[in-house]
Structure formats: structure tokens, C-alpha cells
């Protein structure tokens, strides 16, 4: 695909002893490609000649070691294949990945592992982190993940604090930030975490994403989604990676969609049945409950107010399918969110 669009490829094989053998294998597999080798033990003149040929596009595929991980800016090279990726450090792969995508073309990095079933736990975590943090400017998140995997040293490690391993690094930073704000006397507003109650199965099935590590990564990423476009992007990514979404996974995305809209609407609890939507609004986040009634009246909805800051909204009668109720609930929450942002 890369050669068809006139581009070039880095094939990273970080083993000098077998790099020429790997190059010959690639020539057998792709005889039409012009392939050459670059590694740190070549003489300066030979290495310079190879790199100049690559820059001038006289070479299609550069089989190389990590010698290319920094200092190169070749906009026409936008595909990278990293062989035996489990042997690389997290920051090292991130650095290598930065060699592509330096022009206007879509770039692709493929990480090949020798045997997925034999991956160490840390290697699997490193690869999962790279799949999770793929956006521009992800270096800080990668560094934090690397710190979590390898350990934080004596400054924050078990030898001094003893608790970071128990709560996790992300939670440790949140607790630290909260403690600092409290000491400074700053008012800390707790983020709204709505409770969503719907009678339907919502999870990532084992048979859909078989790897526990990957499932946890998906759950973690979904928990951080804060926009409808983010949900749409995650849905497309799941389909691309694992195939058509099963019903349970679809339901989970729907629940997260309602959570996102609930946060935007100041809702701290949502209960949905076939015929009724109950919304309990946070007094801390919604100071004027009259605006809620105004939006509901504008939509022509039938509702009651059983308790302070709580509303029961009547949905379609005699429904036996939750799907239509979900669609209607989405519309109601969207209007509430829009009403509060105006």
C-alpha cells in the first residue's frame, strides 16, 4: 500500500547479526521493492551513502536498527514496521514511531511480536499503552505509562511512600493534587459522576476482546470519554480492530453516551425503564431548577416532580423495547444540555 502511493518504509529489526538475513527475506517477499540496510556498525561512508539514497527515494524499504530513532525528517516515509516489538522499551518505540507522519500523508506503524502467547506482562502493557495513546502530543501520557510500568524509583516508590502501588499512579496524582489545593485553601469542585441505571447488559464480552489487558484498556479509555464524537471514534476503532460490535458492547456505548449527556445536563442519577425516565439533578451543578422545567415544557413533555431537583418524564406508553426509550432519552438530555449552555 505504501509503495503504491509512492511512499517509503522503515523496517526496524534491531539485531545486527540477523539484519542482512531479514533483508534477504524481505526481498523474496517483495521482489519489486528496492531494499537496503542501515545499522550503527557500518562505516561512516557506507552509512551516509545508504541514508542519502533513502532520502533521495532511491530506496523503497530501509531495513534498519534503532539508529533511525532520532534526527530523521523524511516526509515520504510514512509506514514503519517494528519487528519483535516486545523487546523495545515504551519510550523507544514512541521515539521510533515519531519518524513517520512528518508530512501530509496518513502514517501507519505496525508492531510485530514473535509470539503473543509468550509476551511478558510488562511487554503486553507497553504495547497496550502505545495502542491507547496514539494522538498527537501523547508523549506525556506515554511517559506516565512508562513510569507506571517500570516503577517510579525511590522518590515515590514503596521504599518511601509504600502506597502508590496500591492506589495506582493516576489516583496518587489526583490525591496529591487534592491535598495541595486543600493546603492552599483553594475550593475544589468535585467532578460530576452520574449514576446510570438501565435494565440491559452492558459490557465488553470476553469472546469479542479476548485479552484481559486489552479489555481493561478499552474500559479505561471509555471511562475518560467526555464527548459524543469521542464515543463515535471509539466505536469505529473497536469495529476496525475487533469486528462488528456485539449487543452488549453496543449497550455499553449507549450508557456512556447517556453519561456524557447527563454530565452536560447536571444530572447525578438517571433511571430509565420502558416507559419512564427519572432524572435527579445535582444541586451543586444546577443552581436554577426552573431552567430544567422550562426546557421540558418547551419540548412538550409530560412529567412530574416527585422530589426536589428530581423529575419523572413519561415516555411512550406500553413499550416493551428499551431501544426507543434510549433514543428518546438521548433527545431529552441533548435538549437539556443545549438549554444549559445557552
Protein backbone atom coordinates (compact mmCIF):
# COMPACT_ATOMS: atom_id res chain seq x y z
CA UNK A 1 0.00 0.00 0.00
CA UNK A 2 2.82 2.40 0.88
CA UNK A 3 4.73 1.67 -2.34
CA UNK A 4 1.56 2.11 -4.41
CA UNK A 5 1.18 5.67 -3.16
CA UNK A 6 4.86 6.44 -3.85
CA UNK A 7 5.99 6.31 -0.25
CA UNK A 8 8.80 4.63 1.67
CA UNK A 9 9.01 2.17 4.54
CA UNK A 10 11.15 1.75 7.65
CA UNK A 11 11.53 -1.91 8.67
CA UNK A 12 13.10 -1.84 12.14
CA UNK A 13 14.95 -5.04 13.04
CA UNK A 14 17.22 -4.34 15.99
CA UNK A 15 19.59 -7.27 15.61
CA UNK A 16 22.75 -6.68 13.57
CA UNK A 17 23.60 -10.39 13.40
CA UNK A 18 20.42 -11.26 11.51
CA UNK A 19 19.57 -7.95 9.84
CA UNK A 20 21.00 -8.91 6.42
CA UNK A 21 19.19 -12.25 6.55
CA UNK A 22 15.97 -10.39 7.32
CA UNK A 23 16.67 -8.06 4.41
CA UNK A 24 17.07 -11.02 2.03
CA UNK A 25 13.79 -12.49 3.30
CA UNK A 26 12.01 -9.22 2.56
CA UNK A 27 13.46 -9.16 -0.96
CA UNK A 28 11.95 -12.61 -1.51
CA UNK A 29 8.57 -11.47 -0.19
CA UNK A 30 8.51 -8.14 -2.08
CA UNK A 31 10.84 -8.51 -5.10
CA UNK A 32 9.63 -5.26 -6.68
CA UNK A 33 10.83 -3.18 -3.69
CA UNK A 34 14.27 -1.60 -3.60
CA UNK A 35 15.68 -2.61 -0.20
CA UNK A 36 18.85 -1.68 1.66
CA UNK A 37 20.24 -1.96 5.19
CA UNK A 38 21.41 0.62 7.75
CA UNK A 39 22.91 -0.05 11.19
CA UNK A 40 25.43 1.53 13.55
CA UNK A 41 28.37 -0.75 12.74
CA UNK A 42 28.55 0.20 9.09
CA UNK A 43 31.39 2.53 8.17
CA UNK A 44 30.53 6.22 8.12
CA UNK A 45 30.84 6.42 4.34
CA UNK A 46 28.62 3.38 3.68
CA UNK A 47 26.01 4.50 6.20
CA UNK A 48 25.97 8.02 4.74
CA UNK A 49 25.56 6.62 1.23
CA UNK A 50 22.63 4.40 2.25
CA UNK A 51 20.87 7.23 4.08
CA UNK A 52 21.34 9.65 1.18
CA UNK A 53 19.88 7.06 -1.20
CA UNK A 54 16.87 6.69 1.12
CA UNK A 55 16.40 10.46 1.34
CA UNK A 56 16.62 10.73 -2.45
CA UNK A 57 13.99 7.94 -2.75
CA UNK A 58 16.38 5.53 -4.46
CA UNK A 59 15.44 3.03 -1.73
CA UNK A 60 11.85 1.95 -1.02
CA UNK A 61 12.41 -0.04 2.19
CA UNK A 62 15.13 0.70 4.72
CA UNK A 63 15.84 -2.31 6.95
CA UNK A 64 17.44 -0.71 9.98
CA UNK A 65 18.19 -0.83 13.68
CA UNK A 66 17.17 1.85 16.18
CA UNK A 67 19.85 4.07 14.66
CA UNK A 68 16.96 5.88 12.93
CA UNK A 69 15.06 6.70 16.13
CA UNK A 70 16.05 10.38 16.22
CA UNK A 71 17.15 13.19 13.97
CA UNK A 72 15.46 12.00 10.76
CA UNK A 73 12.85 14.02 8.92
CA UNK A 74 11.77 12.17 5.78
CA UNK A 75 8.18 13.19 4.86
CA UNK A 76 7.88 10.50 2.17
CA UNK A 77 8.48 7.64 4.68
CA UNK A 78 5.08 7.02 6.30
CA UNK A 79 4.99 3.32 7.10
CA UNK A 80 7.04 1.69 9.84
CA UNK A 81 7.18 -1.99 10.71
CA UNK A 82 8.85 -2.76 14.05
CA UNK A 83 9.91 -6.40 14.29
CA UNK A 84 9.96 -8.11 17.71
CA UNK A 85 8.32 -5.03 19.23
CA UNK A 86 8.07 -6.72 22.64
CA UNK A 87 11.86 -6.29 23.05
CA UNK A 88 11.70 -2.49 22.85
CA UNK A 89 11.12 -0.01 25.63
CA UNK A 90 7.96 2.10 25.61
CA UNK A 91 9.72 5.43 25.08
CA UNK A 92 11.95 3.84 22.43
CA UNK A 93 9.00 2.67 20.32
CA UNK A 94 7.35 6.06 20.78
CA UNK A 95 10.53 7.74 19.57
CA UNK A 96 10.74 5.39 16.57
CA UNK A 97 7.11 5.99 15.73
CA UNK A 98 7.86 9.69 15.57
CA UNK A 99 9.97 9.16 12.45
CA UNK A 100 6.84 8.73 10.35
CA UNK A 101 3.86 11.00 9.82
CA UNK A 102 6.09 14.04 9.33
CA UNK A 103 4.33 15.11 6.13
CA UNK A 104 0.73 15.45 4.99
CA UNK A 105 0.10 11.72 4.38
CA UNK A 106 -1.56 9.33 6.83
CA UNK A 107 1.15 7.29 8.59
CA UNK A 108 0.99 3.68 9.78
CA UNK A 109 3.11 1.92 12.40
CA UNK A 110 2.85 -1.86 12.71
CA UNK A 111 4.25 -3.63 15.76
CA UNK A 112 5.12 -7.28 15.14
CA UNK A 113 5.59 -9.61 18.10
CA UNK A 114 7.29 -13.01 17.90
CA UNK A 115 4.69 -14.91 19.96
CA UNK A 116 1.77 -13.12 21.61
CA UNK A 117 1.12 -16.02 23.97
CA UNK A 118 4.62 -15.67 25.44
CA UNK A 119 4.59 -11.92 25.98
CA UNK A 120 5.64 -10.86 29.45
CA UNK A 121 3.13 -8.87 31.45
CA UNK A 122 5.17 -5.66 31.13
CA UNK A 123 5.64 -6.13 27.37
CA UNK A 124 1.88 -6.52 26.94
CA UNK A 125 1.32 -3.35 28.99
CA UNK A 126 3.82 -1.42 26.86
CA UNK A 127 2.12 -2.45 23.62
CA UNK A 128 -1.33 -1.72 25.06
CA UNK A 129 -0.16 1.77 26.11
CA UNK A 130 1.04 2.50 22.58
CA UNK A 131 -2.31 1.46 21.14
CA UNK A 132 -4.12 3.59 23.68
CA UNK A 133 -2.10 6.80 23.24
CA UNK A 134 -1.87 7.39 19.50
CA UNK A 135 -2.86 11.03 19.18
CA UNK A 136 -0.57 13.97 18.51
CA UNK A 137 1.13 15.12 21.70
CA UNK A 138 0.78 11.83 23.58
CA UNK A 139 4.35 11.93 24.85
CA UNK A 140 3.37 12.94 28.38
CA UNK A 141 0.81 10.12 28.69
CA UNK A 142 3.37 7.65 27.31
CA UNK A 143 5.92 8.84 29.88
CA UNK A 144 3.39 8.45 32.69
CA UNK A 145 2.50 4.95 31.50
CA UNK A 146 6.18 4.05 31.32
CA UNK A 147 6.56 5.29 34.88
CA UNK A 148 3.65 3.13 36.00
CA UNK A 149 5.03 0.02 34.30
CA UNK A 150 8.68 0.33 35.31
CA UNK A 151 8.13 1.90 38.72
CA UNK A 152 8.74 5.40 39.96
CA UNK A 153 12.02 4.93 41.82
CA UNK A 154 12.72 5.67 45.46
CA UNK A 155 11.14 9.14 45.47
CA UNK A 156 7.64 7.72 45.07
CA UNK A 157 8.36 4.01 45.35
CA UNK A 158 7.42 1.52 48.03
CA UNK A 159 10.68 2.09 49.92
CA UNK A 160 9.47 5.56 50.96
CA UNK A 161 5.74 6.01 50.46
CA UNK A 162 4.54 2.43 50.28
CA UNK A 163 1.05 3.27 48.96
CA UNK A 164 1.48 4.28 45.31
CA UNK A 165 1.42 0.65 44.15
CA UNK A 166 -1.88 0.12 45.95
CA UNK A 167 -3.79 3.13 44.59
CA UNK A 168 -2.17 3.46 41.15
CA UNK A 169 -0.15 6.39 39.84
CA UNK A 170 -3.10 8.28 38.32
CA UNK A 171 -5.04 8.15 41.60
CA UNK A 172 -1.90 9.08 43.54
CA UNK A 173 -1.54 12.25 41.45
CA UNK A 174 -5.22 13.12 41.99
CA UNK A 175 -4.88 12.65 45.75
CA UNK A 176 -1.69 14.70 45.77
CA UNK A 177 -3.33 17.50 43.77
CA UNK A 178 -6.34 17.50 46.08
CA UNK A 179 -4.13 17.65 49.17
CA UNK A 180 -2.12 20.57 47.75
CA UNK A 181 -5.28 22.51 46.88
CA UNK A 182 -6.68 21.86 50.35
CA UNK A 183 -3.47 23.15 51.99
CA UNK A 184 -3.58 26.27 49.80
CA UNK A 185 -7.19 26.87 50.76
CA UNK A 186 -8.48 26.53 47.20
CA UNK A 187 -12.08 25.43 46.70
CA UNK A 188 -12.14 22.08 44.92
CA UNK A 189 -15.28 21.24 42.96
CA UNK A 190 -15.80 17.52 42.65
CA UNK A 191 -16.47 16.43 39.06
CA UNK A 192 -19.95 15.09 38.40
CA UNK A 193 -20.03 11.29 38.16
CA UNK A 194 -23.62 10.37 37.30
CA UNK A 195 -25.13 7.01 38.18
CA UNK A 196 -26.81 5.43 35.13
CA UNK A 197 -29.38 2.68 35.80
CA UNK A 198 -30.82 0.85 32.78
CA UNK A 199 -32.09 -2.73 32.70
CA UNK A 200 -29.80 -4.07 29.97
CA UNK A 201 -26.50 -5.96 29.74
CA UNK A 202 -23.63 -3.56 29.02
CA UNK A 203 -20.04 -4.82 28.93
CA UNK A 204 -17.21 -5.95 26.61
CA UNK A 205 -17.66 -9.73 26.11
CA UNK A 206 -14.61 -11.99 26.53
CA UNK A 207 -15.19 -13.57 23.14
CA UNK A 208 -15.14 -10.11 21.50
CA UNK A 209 -11.90 -8.88 23.12
CA UNK A 210 -10.14 -11.98 24.40
CA UNK A 211 -7.16 -10.24 26.03
CA UNK A 212 -7.82 -9.12 29.62
CA UNK A 213 -5.24 -6.34 29.24
CA UNK A 214 -6.90 -5.02 26.09
CA UNK A 215 -10.36 -5.14 27.68
CA UNK A 216 -9.10 -3.16 30.66
CA UNK A 217 -7.52 -0.64 28.30
CA UNK A 218 -10.82 -0.26 26.44
CA UNK A 219 -12.72 0.19 29.71
CA UNK A 220 -10.18 2.75 30.92
CA UNK A 221 -10.39 4.74 27.69
CA UNK A 222 -14.19 4.63 27.69
CA UNK A 223 -14.26 5.94 31.26
CA UNK A 224 -12.39 9.04 30.07
CA UNK A 225 -14.62 9.80 27.07
CA UNK A 226 -16.32 13.17 27.54
CA UNK A 227 -17.86 13.89 24.14
CA UNK A 228 -20.22 12.26 21.65
CA UNK A 229 -17.54 12.48 18.97
CA UNK A 230 -15.20 10.57 21.28
CA UNK A 231 -17.78 7.78 21.63
CA UNK A 232 -18.21 7.65 17.85
CA UNK A 233 -14.43 7.44 17.41
CA UNK A 234 -14.13 4.62 19.96
CA UNK A 235 -16.95 2.72 18.26
CA UNK A 236 -15.25 2.93 14.88
CA UNK A 237 -11.91 1.90 16.38
CA UNK A 238 -13.45 -1.15 18.08
CA UNK A 239 -15.08 -2.22 14.83
CA UNK A 240 -11.81 -1.77 12.93
CA UNK A 241 -9.81 -3.77 15.49
CA UNK A 242 -12.21 -6.46 16.68
CA UNK A 243 -15.08 -6.60 14.18
CA UNK A 244 -18.80 -5.92 14.45
CA UNK A 245 -19.91 -4.84 17.92
CA UNK A 246 -21.95 -7.39 19.90
CA UNK A 247 -25.17 -6.19 21.52
CA UNK A 248 -23.57 -5.90 24.98
CA UNK A 249 -20.81 -3.63 23.68
CA UNK A 250 -23.36 -1.50 21.78
CA UNK A 251 -25.32 -1.13 25.03
CA UNK A 252 -22.20 -0.05 26.86
CA UNK A 253 -21.53 2.71 24.35
CA UNK A 254 -25.15 3.82 24.70
CA UNK A 255 -24.80 4.01 28.50
CA UNK A 256 -21.61 6.06 28.13
CA UNK A 257 -23.41 8.35 25.68
CA UNK A 258 -26.11 8.94 28.32
CA UNK A 259 -23.40 9.53 30.95
CA UNK A 260 -21.74 12.20 28.78
CA UNK A 261 -25.07 13.95 28.17
CA UNK A 262 -26.00 13.61 31.85
CA UNK A 263 -22.79 15.39 32.89
CA UNK A 264 -23.51 18.21 30.43
CA UNK A 265 -27.05 18.47 31.86
CA UNK A 266 -26.03 18.40 35.54
CA UNK A 267 -27.72 15.03 36.17
CA UNK A 268 -26.28 12.99 39.06
CA UNK A 269 -28.60 9.98 38.67
CA UNK A 270 -30.51 8.60 35.69
CA UNK A 271 -33.03 5.75 35.88
CA UNK A 272 -34.56 4.50 32.63
CA UNK A 273 -37.36 1.99 32.18
CA UNK A 274 -39.50 1.23 29.13
CA UNK A 275 -42.00 3.99 29.93
CA UNK A 276 -40.26 6.43 32.26
CA UNK A 277 -37.06 8.47 32.53
CA UNK A 278 -36.15 9.71 36.01
CA UNK A 279 -33.51 12.43 36.31
CA UNK A 280 -32.06 13.59 39.64
CA UNK A 281 -30.13 16.86 39.21
CA UNK A 282 -27.08 17.86 41.23
CA UNK A 283 -27.76 20.93 43.37
CA UNK A 284 -24.04 21.79 43.17
CA UNK A 285 -24.07 21.84 39.37
CA UNK A 286 -27.61 23.13 38.66
CA UNK A 287 -28.46 26.24 40.65
CA UNK A 288 -31.66 27.11 38.75
CA UNK A 289 -34.00 24.12 38.54
CA UNK A 290 -36.57 26.33 36.86
CA UNK A 291 -34.49 26.16 33.68
CA UNK A 292 -34.96 22.37 33.69
CA UNK A 293 -38.74 22.77 33.73
CA UNK A 294 -38.52 25.43 31.05
CA UNK A 295 -36.65 23.10 28.67
CA UNK A 296 -39.03 20.20 29.38
CA UNK A 297 -42.08 22.42 28.78
CA UNK A 298 -40.55 23.64 25.54
CA UNK A 299 -40.29 20.02 24.38
CA UNK A 300 -43.93 19.40 25.28
CA UNK A 301 -43.09 16.54 27.65
CA UNK A 302 -45.40 15.09 30.29
CA UNK A 303 -43.59 14.99 33.65
CA UNK A 304 -43.96 15.08 37.45
CA UNK A 305 -41.73 16.41 40.23
CA UNK A 306 -41.71 13.75 43.00
CA UNK A 307 -38.82 15.29 44.97
CA UNK A 308 -36.68 18.39 44.98
CA UNK A 309 -34.44 18.56 41.91
CA UNK A 310 -35.92 15.28 40.59
CA UNK A 311 -38.18 14.82 37.58
CA UNK A 312 -40.09 11.80 36.24
CA UNK A 313 -40.61 12.06 32.48
CA UNK A 314 -43.28 9.93 30.83
CA UNK A 315 -42.05 8.18 27.68
CA UNK A 316 -44.09 6.23 25.10
CA UNK A 317 -46.79 4.04 26.63
CA UNK A 318 -46.88 0.23 26.55
CA UNK A 319 -43.33 -0.13 25.27
CA UNK A 320 -41.63 -3.49 25.52
CA UNK A 321 -38.38 -2.45 23.84
CA UNK A 322 -35.84 -0.26 25.64
CA UNK A 323 -34.30 0.89 22.33
CA UNK A 324 -36.96 3.54 21.60
CA UNK A 325 -36.75 4.78 25.19
CA UNK A 326 -32.98 5.17 24.79
CA UNK A 327 -33.41 7.25 21.65
CA UNK A 328 -36.00 9.48 23.33
CA UNK A 329 -33.81 9.85 26.46
CA UNK A 330 -30.88 10.92 24.30
CA UNK A 331 -33.03 13.62 22.68
CA UNK A 332 -34.27 14.89 26.04
CA UNK A 333 -30.76 15.08 27.54
CA UNK A 334 -29.39 16.72 24.39
CA UNK A 335 -32.01 19.46 24.67
CA UNK A 336 -31.29 19.92 28.38
CA UNK A 337 -27.55 20.19 27.72
CA UNK A 338 -28.18 22.68 24.92
CA UNK A 339 -30.52 24.69 27.15
CA UNK A 340 -27.92 24.99 29.90
CA UNK A 341 -25.15 26.03 27.50
CA UNK A 342 -27.19 28.89 26.01
